[in-house]
PDB file of all heavy atoms in Angstrom:
ATOM      1  N   TYR A   1     -43.230  -2.550  80.565  1.00  0.00           N
ATOM      2  CA  TYR A   1     -41.851  -2.249  80.219  1.00  0.00           C
ATOM      3  C   TYR A   1     -41.280  -3.316  79.274  1.00  0.00           C
ATOM      4  O   TYR A   1     -41.729  -4.461  79.257  1.00  0.00           O
ATOM      5  CB  TYR A   1     -40.996  -2.207  81.480  1.00  0.00           C
ATOM      6  CG  TYR A   1     -41.501  -1.268  82.534  1.00  0.00           C
ATOM      7  CD1 TYR A   1     -42.278  -1.723  83.596  1.00  0.00           C
ATOM      8  CD2 TYR A   1     -41.209   0.091  82.471  1.00  0.00           C
ATOM      9  CE1 TYR A   1     -42.757  -0.863  84.568  1.00  0.00           C
ATOM     10  CE2 TYR A   1     -41.683   0.966  83.445  1.00  0.00           C
ATOM     11  CZ  TYR A   1     -42.458   0.484  84.480  1.00  0.00           C
ATOM     12  OH  TYR A   1     -42.924   1.346  85.440  1.00  0.00           O
ATOM     13  N   LEU A   2     -40.274  -2.898  78.528  1.00  0.00           N
ATOM     14  CA  LEU A   2     -39.501  -3.838  77.737  1.00  0.00           C
ATOM     15  C   LEU A   2     -38.026  -3.497  77.941  1.00  0.00           C
ATOM     16  O   LEU A   2     -37.558  -2.461  77.460  1.00  0.00           O
ATOM     17  CB  LEU A   2     -39.857  -3.772  76.252  1.00  0.00           C
ATOM     18  CG  LEU A   2     -39.151  -4.820  75.376  1.00  0.00           C
ATOM     19  CD1 LEU A   2     -39.666  -6.225  75.706  1.00  0.00           C
ATOM     20  CD2 LEU A   2     -39.357  -4.515  73.893  1.00  0.00           C
ATOM     21  N   GLN A   3     -37.349  -4.328  78.701  1.00  0.00           N
ATOM     22  CA  GLN A   3     -35.911  -4.155  78.910  1.00  0.00           C
ATOM     23  C   GLN A   3     -35.196  -4.845  77.766  1.00  0.00           C
ATOM     24  O   GLN A   3     -35.378  -6.049  77.559  1.00  0.00           O
ATOM     25  CB  GLN A   3     -35.486  -4.758  80.247  1.00  0.00           C
ATOM     26  CG  GLN A   3     -34.001  -4.662  80.525  1.00  0.00           C
ATOM     27  CD  GLN A   3     -33.524  -3.238  80.706  1.00  0.00           C
ATOM     28  OE1 GLN A   3     -34.156  -2.442  81.391  1.00  0.00           O
ATOM     29  NE2 GLN A   3     -32.404  -2.899  80.073  1.00  0.00           N
ATOM     30  N   MET A   4     -34.378  -4.091  77.051  1.00  0.00           N
ATOM     31  CA  MET A   4     -33.675  -4.620  75.882  1.00  0.00           C
ATOM     32  C   MET A   4     -32.171  -4.537  76.116  1.00  0.00           C
ATOM     33  O   MET A   4     -31.631  -3.435  76.255  1.00  0.00           O
ATOM     34  CB  MET A   4     -34.071  -3.831  74.631  1.00  0.00           C
ATOM     35  CG  MET A   4     -35.574  -3.762  74.403  1.00  0.00           C
ATOM     36  SD  MET A   4     -36.012  -3.015  72.816  1.00  0.00           S
ATOM     37  CE  MET A   4     -35.399  -1.362  73.059  1.00  0.00           C
ATOM     38  N   ASN A   5     -31.540  -5.674  76.182  1.00  0.00           N
ATOM     39  CA  ASN A   5     -30.097  -5.765  76.379  1.00  0.00           C
ATOM     40  C   ASN A   5     -29.432  -6.389  75.157  1.00  0.00           C
ATOM     41  O   ASN A   5     -30.095  -7.010  74.329  1.00  0.00           O
ATOM     42  CB  ASN A   5     -29.789  -6.606  77.618  1.00  0.00           C
ATOM     43  CG  ASN A   5     -30.361  -6.022  78.890  1.00  0.00           C
ATOM     44  OD1 ASN A   5     -30.464  -4.810  79.051  1.00  0.00           O
ATOM     45  ND2 ASN A   5     -30.753  -6.890  79.817  1.00  0.00           N
ATOM     46  N   SER A   6     -28.128  -6.223  75.080  1.00  0.00           N
ATOM     47  CA  SER A   6     -27.352  -6.818  73.969  1.00  0.00           C
ATOM     48  C   SER A   6     -27.993  -6.505  72.622  1.00  0.00           C
ATOM     49  O   SER A   6     -28.179  -7.389  71.782  1.00  0.00           O
ATOM     50  CB  SER A   6     -27.241  -8.332  74.162  1.00  0.00           C
ATOM     51  OG  SER A   6     -26.639  -8.648  75.402  1.00  0.00           O
ATOM     52  N   LEU A   7     -28.318  -5.255  72.425  1.00  0.00           N
ATOM     53  CA  LEU A   7     -29.017  -4.851  71.206  1.00  0.00           C
ATOM     54  C   LEU A   7     -28.155  -5.069  69.966  1.00  0.00           C
ATOM     55  O   LEU A   7     -26.926  -4.913  70.003  1.00  0.00           O
ATOM     56  CB  LEU A   7     -29.448  -3.399  71.306  1.00  0.00           C
ATOM     57  CG  LEU A   7     -30.707  -3.194  72.177  1.00  0.00           C
ATOM     58  CD1 LEU A   7     -30.801  -1.757  72.664  1.00  0.00           C
ATOM     59  CD2 LEU A   7     -31.961  -3.573  71.408  1.00  0.00           C
ATOM     60  N   LYS A   8     -28.837  -5.405  68.888  1.00  0.00           N
ATOM     61  CA  LYS A   8     -28.190  -5.668  67.611  1.00  0.00           C
ATOM     62  C   LYS A   8     -28.751  -4.718  66.553  1.00  0.00           C
ATOM     63  O   LYS A   8     -29.890  -4.247  66.693  1.00  0.00           O
ATOM     64  CB  LYS A   8     -28.467  -7.111  67.167  1.00  0.00           C
ATOM     65  CG  LYS A   8     -28.057  -8.178  68.164  1.00  0.00           C
ATOM     66  CD  LYS A   8     -28.486  -9.547  67.686  1.00  0.00           C
ATOM     67  CE  LYS A   8     -28.109 -10.630  68.685  1.00  0.00           C
ATOM     68  NZ  LYS A   8     -28.535 -11.992  68.224  1.00  0.00           N
ATOM     69  N   PRO A   9     -28.013  -4.447  65.498  1.00  0.00           N
ATOM     70  CA  PRO A   9     -28.541  -3.577  64.435  1.00  0.00           C
ATOM     71  C   PRO A   9     -29.881  -4.071  63.880  1.00  0.00           C
ATOM     72  O   PRO A   9     -30.736  -3.254  63.515  1.00  0.00           O
ATOM     73  CB  PRO A   9     -27.439  -3.616  63.381  1.00  0.00           C
ATOM     74  CG  PRO A   9     -26.189  -3.836  64.174  1.00  0.00           C
ATOM     75  CD  PRO A   9     -26.596  -4.759  65.282  1.00  0.00           C
ATOM     76  N   GLU A  10     -30.084  -5.373  63.848  1.00  0.00           N
ATOM     77  CA  GLU A  10     -31.342  -5.910  63.325  1.00  0.00           C
ATOM     78  C   GLU A  10     -32.527  -5.678  64.269  1.00  0.00           C
ATOM     79  O   GLU A  10     -33.670  -5.981  63.902  1.00  0.00           O
ATOM     80  CB  GLU A  10     -31.210  -7.401  63.009  1.00  0.00           C
ATOM     81  CG  GLU A  10     -30.643  -8.251  64.120  1.00  0.00           C
ATOM     82  CD  GLU A  10     -29.149  -8.499  63.962  1.00  0.00           C
ATOM     83  OE1 GLU A  10     -28.411  -7.532  63.641  1.00  0.00           O
ATOM     84  OE2 GLU A  10     -28.724  -9.647  64.192  1.00  0.00           O
ATOM     85  N   ASP A  11     -32.268  -5.150  65.452  1.00  0.00           N
ATOM     86  CA  ASP A  11     -33.364  -4.767  66.352  1.00  0.00           C
ATOM     87  C   ASP A  11     -33.917  -3.384  66.013  1.00  0.00           C
ATOM     88  O   ASP A  11     -34.905  -2.953  66.608  1.00  0.00           O
ATOM     89  CB  ASP A  11     -32.882  -4.762  67.811  1.00  0.00           C
ATOM     90  CG  ASP A  11     -32.506  -6.143  68.303  1.00  0.00           C
ATOM     91  OD1 ASP A  11     -33.221  -7.111  67.991  1.00  0.00           O
ATOM     92  OD2 ASP A  11     -31.495  -6.247  69.033  1.00  0.00           O
ATOM     93  N   THR A  12     -33.286  -2.697  65.079  1.00  0.00           N
ATOM     94  CA  THR A  12     -33.741  -1.367  64.687  1.00  0.00           C
ATOM     95  C   THR A  12     -35.148  -1.440  64.105  1.00  0.00           C
ATOM     96  O   THR A  12     -35.417  -2.210  63.187  1.00  0.00           O
ATOM     97  CB  THR A  12     -32.784  -0.757  63.648  1.00  0.00           C
ATOM     98  OG1 THR A  12     -31.513  -0.544  64.265  1.00  0.00           O
ATOM     99  CG2 THR A  12     -33.324   0.560  63.112  1.00  0.00           C
ATOM    100  N   ALA A  13     -36.056  -0.648  64.680  1.00  0.00           N
ATOM    101  CA  ALA A  13     -37.458  -0.667  64.259  1.00  0.00           C
ATOM    102  C   ALA A  13     -38.226   0.358  65.084  1.00  0.00           C
ATOM    103  O   ALA A  13     -37.699   0.909  66.056  1.00  0.00           O
ATOM    104  CB  ALA A  13     -38.068  -2.050  64.479  1.00  0.00           C
ATOM    105  N   VAL A  14     -39.466   0.580  64.690  1.00  0.00           N
ATOM    106  CA  VAL A  14     -40.405   1.289  65.550  1.00  0.00           C
ATOM    107  C   VAL A  14     -41.068   0.235  66.445  1.00  0.00           C
ATOM    108  O   VAL A  14     -41.564  -0.778  65.940  1.00  0.00           O
ATOM    109  CB  VAL A  14     -41.462   2.039  64.732  1.00  0.00           C
ATOM    110  CG1 VAL A  14     -42.476   2.713  65.670  1.00  0.00           C
ATOM    111  CG2 VAL A  14     -40.810   3.081  63.831  1.00  0.00           C
ATOM    112  N   TYR A  15     -41.049   0.490  67.737  1.00  0.00           N
ATOM    113  CA  TYR A  15     -41.597  -0.455  68.708  1.00  0.00           C
ATOM    114  C   TYR A  15     -42.959   0.054  69.188  1.00  0.00           C
ATOM    115  O   TYR A  15     -43.094   1.220  69.587  1.00  0.00           O
ATOM    116  CB  TYR A  15     -40.643  -0.618  69.884  1.00  0.00           C
ATOM    117  CG  TYR A  15     -39.474  -1.516  69.551  1.00  0.00           C
ATOM    118  CD1 TYR A  15     -38.482  -1.096  68.670  1.00  0.00           C
ATOM    119  CD2 TYR A  15     -39.373  -2.800  70.087  1.00  0.00           C
ATOM    120  CE1 TYR A  15     -37.418  -1.921  68.338  1.00  0.00           C
ATOM    121  CE2 TYR A  15     -38.311  -3.635  69.766  1.00  0.00           C
ATOM    122  CZ  TYR A  15     -37.344  -3.190  68.888  1.00  0.00           C
ATOM    123  OH  TYR A  15     -36.295  -4.018  68.550  1.00  0.00           O
ATOM    124  N   TYR A  16     -43.930  -0.856  69.149  1.00  0.00           N
ATOM    125  CA  TYR A  16     -45.299  -0.531  69.523  1.00  0.00           C
ATOM    126  C   TYR A  16     -45.745  -1.344  70.725  1.00  0.00           C
ATOM    127  O   TYR A  16     -45.458  -2.542  70.821  1.00  0.00           O
ATOM    128  CB  TYR A  16     -46.251  -0.836  68.366  1.00  0.00           C
ATOM    129  CG  TYR A  16     -46.010  -0.040  67.112  1.00  0.00           C
ATOM    130  CD1 TYR A  16     -45.163  -0.505  66.119  1.00  0.00           C
ATOM    131  CD2 TYR A  16     -46.638   1.192  66.932  1.00  0.00           C
ATOM    132  CE1 TYR A  16     -44.936   0.236  64.973  1.00  0.00           C
ATOM    133  CE2 TYR A  16     -46.426   1.929  65.782  1.00  0.00           C
ATOM    134  CZ  TYR A  16     -45.575   1.445  64.805  1.00  0.00           C
ATOM    135  OH  TYR A  16     -45.361   2.182  63.665  1.00  0.00           O
ATOM    136  N   CYS A  17     -46.485  -0.685  71.579  1.00  0.00           N
ATOM    137  CA  CYS A  17     -47.127  -1.328  72.715  1.00  0.00           C
ATOM    138  C   CYS A  17     -48.592  -1.589  72.335  1.00  0.00           C
ATOM    139  O   CYS A  17     -49.196  -0.784  71.619  1.00  0.00           O
ATOM    140  CB  CYS A  17     -47.037  -0.388  73.910  1.00  0.00           C
ATOM    141  SG  CYS A  17     -47.952  -0.884  75.359  1.00  0.00           S
ATOM    142  N   ALA A  18     -49.150  -2.701  72.812  1.00  0.00           N
ATOM    143  CA  ALA A  18     -50.524  -3.028  72.483  1.00  0.00           C
ATOM    144  C   ALA A  18     -51.202  -3.698  73.671  1.00  0.00           C
ATOM    145  O   ALA A  18     -50.544  -4.355  74.484  1.00  0.00           O
ATOM    146  CB  ALA A  18     -50.575  -3.944  71.271  1.00  0.00           C
ATOM    147  N   ALA A  19     -52.532  -3.531  73.731  1.00  0.00           N
ATOM    148  CA  ALA A  19     -53.335  -4.102  74.821  1.00  0.00           C
ATOM    149  C   ALA A  19     -54.393  -5.035  74.248  1.00  0.00           C
ATOM    150  O   ALA A  19     -55.051  -4.713  73.256  1.00  0.00           O
ATOM    151  CB  ALA A  19     -54.001  -2.990  75.623  1.00  0.00           C
ATOM    152  N   ASP A  20     -54.557  -6.157  74.897  1.00  0.00           N
ATOM    153  CA  ASP A  20     -55.466  -7.208  74.435  1.00  0.00           C
ATOM    154  C   ASP A  20     -56.472  -7.516  75.530  1.00  0.00           C
ATOM    155  O   ASP A  20     -56.113  -8.009  76.593  1.00  0.00           O
ATOM    156  CB  ASP A  20     -54.637  -8.462  74.106  1.00  0.00           C
ATOM    157  CG  ASP A  20     -55.492  -9.665  73.737  1.00  0.00           C
ATOM    158  OD1 ASP A  20     -56.700  -9.500  73.512  1.00  0.00           O
ATOM    159  OD2 ASP A  20     -54.927 -10.782  73.668  1.00  0.00           O
ATOM    160  N   ARG A  21     -57.752  -7.202  75.285  1.00  0.00           N
ATOM    161  CA  ARG A  21     -58.806  -7.554  76.248  1.00  0.00           C
ATOM    162  C   ARG A  21     -58.906  -9.074  76.312  1.00  0.00           C
ATOM    163  O   ARG A  21     -59.046  -9.743  75.298  1.00  0.00           O
ATOM    164  CB  ARG A  21     -60.145  -6.978  75.806  1.00  0.00           C
ATOM    165  CG  ARG A  21     -60.318  -5.507  76.043  1.00  0.00           C
ATOM    166  CD  ARG A  21     -61.734  -5.114  75.679  1.00  0.00           C
ATOM    167  NE  ARG A  21     -62.013  -5.443  74.282  1.00  0.00           N
ATOM    168  CZ  ARG A  21     -62.513  -4.607  73.412  1.00  0.00           C
ATOM    169  NH1 ARG A  21     -62.782  -3.379  73.762  1.00  0.00           N
ATOM    170  NH2 ARG A  21     -62.756  -4.992  72.181  1.00  0.00           N
ATOM    171  N   THR A  22     -58.826  -9.597  77.507  1.00  0.00           N
ATOM    172  CA  THR A  22     -58.976 -11.037  77.673  1.00  0.00           C
ATOM    173  C   THR A  22     -59.540 -11.317  79.054  1.00  0.00           C
ATOM    174  O   THR A  22     -59.258 -10.587  80.000  1.00  0.00           O
ATOM    175  CB  THR A  22     -57.640 -11.766  77.487  1.00  0.00           C
ATOM    176  OG1 THR A  22     -57.800 -13.148  77.814  1.00  0.00           O
ATOM    177  CG2 THR A  22     -56.566 -11.183  78.399  1.00  0.00           C
ATOM    178  N   THR A  23     -60.337 -12.364  79.145  1.00  0.00           N
ATOM    179  CA  THR A  23     -60.906 -12.726  80.450  1.00  0.00           C
ATOM    180  C   THR A  23     -59.980 -13.662  81.213  1.00  0.00           C
ATOM    181  O   THR A  23     -60.231 -13.958  82.372  1.00  0.00           O
ATOM    182  CB  THR A  23     -62.270 -13.402  80.265  1.00  0.00           C
ATOM    183  OG1 THR A  23     -62.113 -14.558  79.429  1.00  0.00           O
ATOM    184  CG2 THR A  23     -63.277 -12.440  79.645  1.00  0.00           C
ATOM    185  N   SER A  24     -58.922 -14.136  80.552  1.00  0.00           N
ATOM    186  CA  SER A  24     -58.021 -15.087  81.198  1.00  0.00           C
ATOM    187  C   SER A  24     -56.826 -14.379  81.804  1.00  0.00           C
ATOM    188  O   SER A  24     -56.149 -13.623  81.126  1.00  0.00           O
ATOM    189  CB  SER A  24     -57.533 -16.125  80.191  1.00  0.00           C
ATOM    190  OG  SER A  24     -56.481 -16.877  80.744  1.00  0.00           O
ATOM    191  N   PRO A  25     -56.519 -14.629  83.061  1.00  0.00           N
ATOM    192  CA  PRO A  25     -55.377 -13.966  83.699  1.00  0.00           C
ATOM    193  C   PRO A  25     -54.031 -14.503  83.225  1.00  0.00           C
ATOM    194  O   PRO A  25     -52.997 -13.909  83.536  1.00  0.00           O
ATOM    195  CB  PRO A  25     -55.576 -14.268  85.184  1.00  0.00           C
ATOM    196  CG  PRO A  25     -56.370 -15.531  85.206  1.00  0.00           C
ATOM    197  CD  PRO A  25     -57.262 -15.469  84.013  1.00  0.00           C
ATOM    198  N   THR A  26     -54.045 -15.606  82.460  1.00  0.00           N
ATOM    199  CA  THR A  26     -52.776 -16.194  82.027  1.00  0.00           C
ATOM    200  C   THR A  26     -52.598 -16.172  80.505  1.00  0.00           C
ATOM    201  O   THR A  26     -51.621 -16.680  79.996  1.00  0.00           O
ATOM    202  CB  THR A  26     -52.671 -17.653  82.510  1.00  0.00           C
ATOM    203  OG1 THR A  26     -53.776 -18.405  81.974  1.00  0.00           O
ATOM    204  CG2 THR A  26     -52.717 -17.731  84.033  1.00  0.00           C
TER     205      THR A  26
END
């Protein structure tokens, strides 16, 4: 999830989700 508060006009965009394979839990 991405909770977005206090939105501004400059936040206007297409938002993409992405996944990164990693062996590190942090």
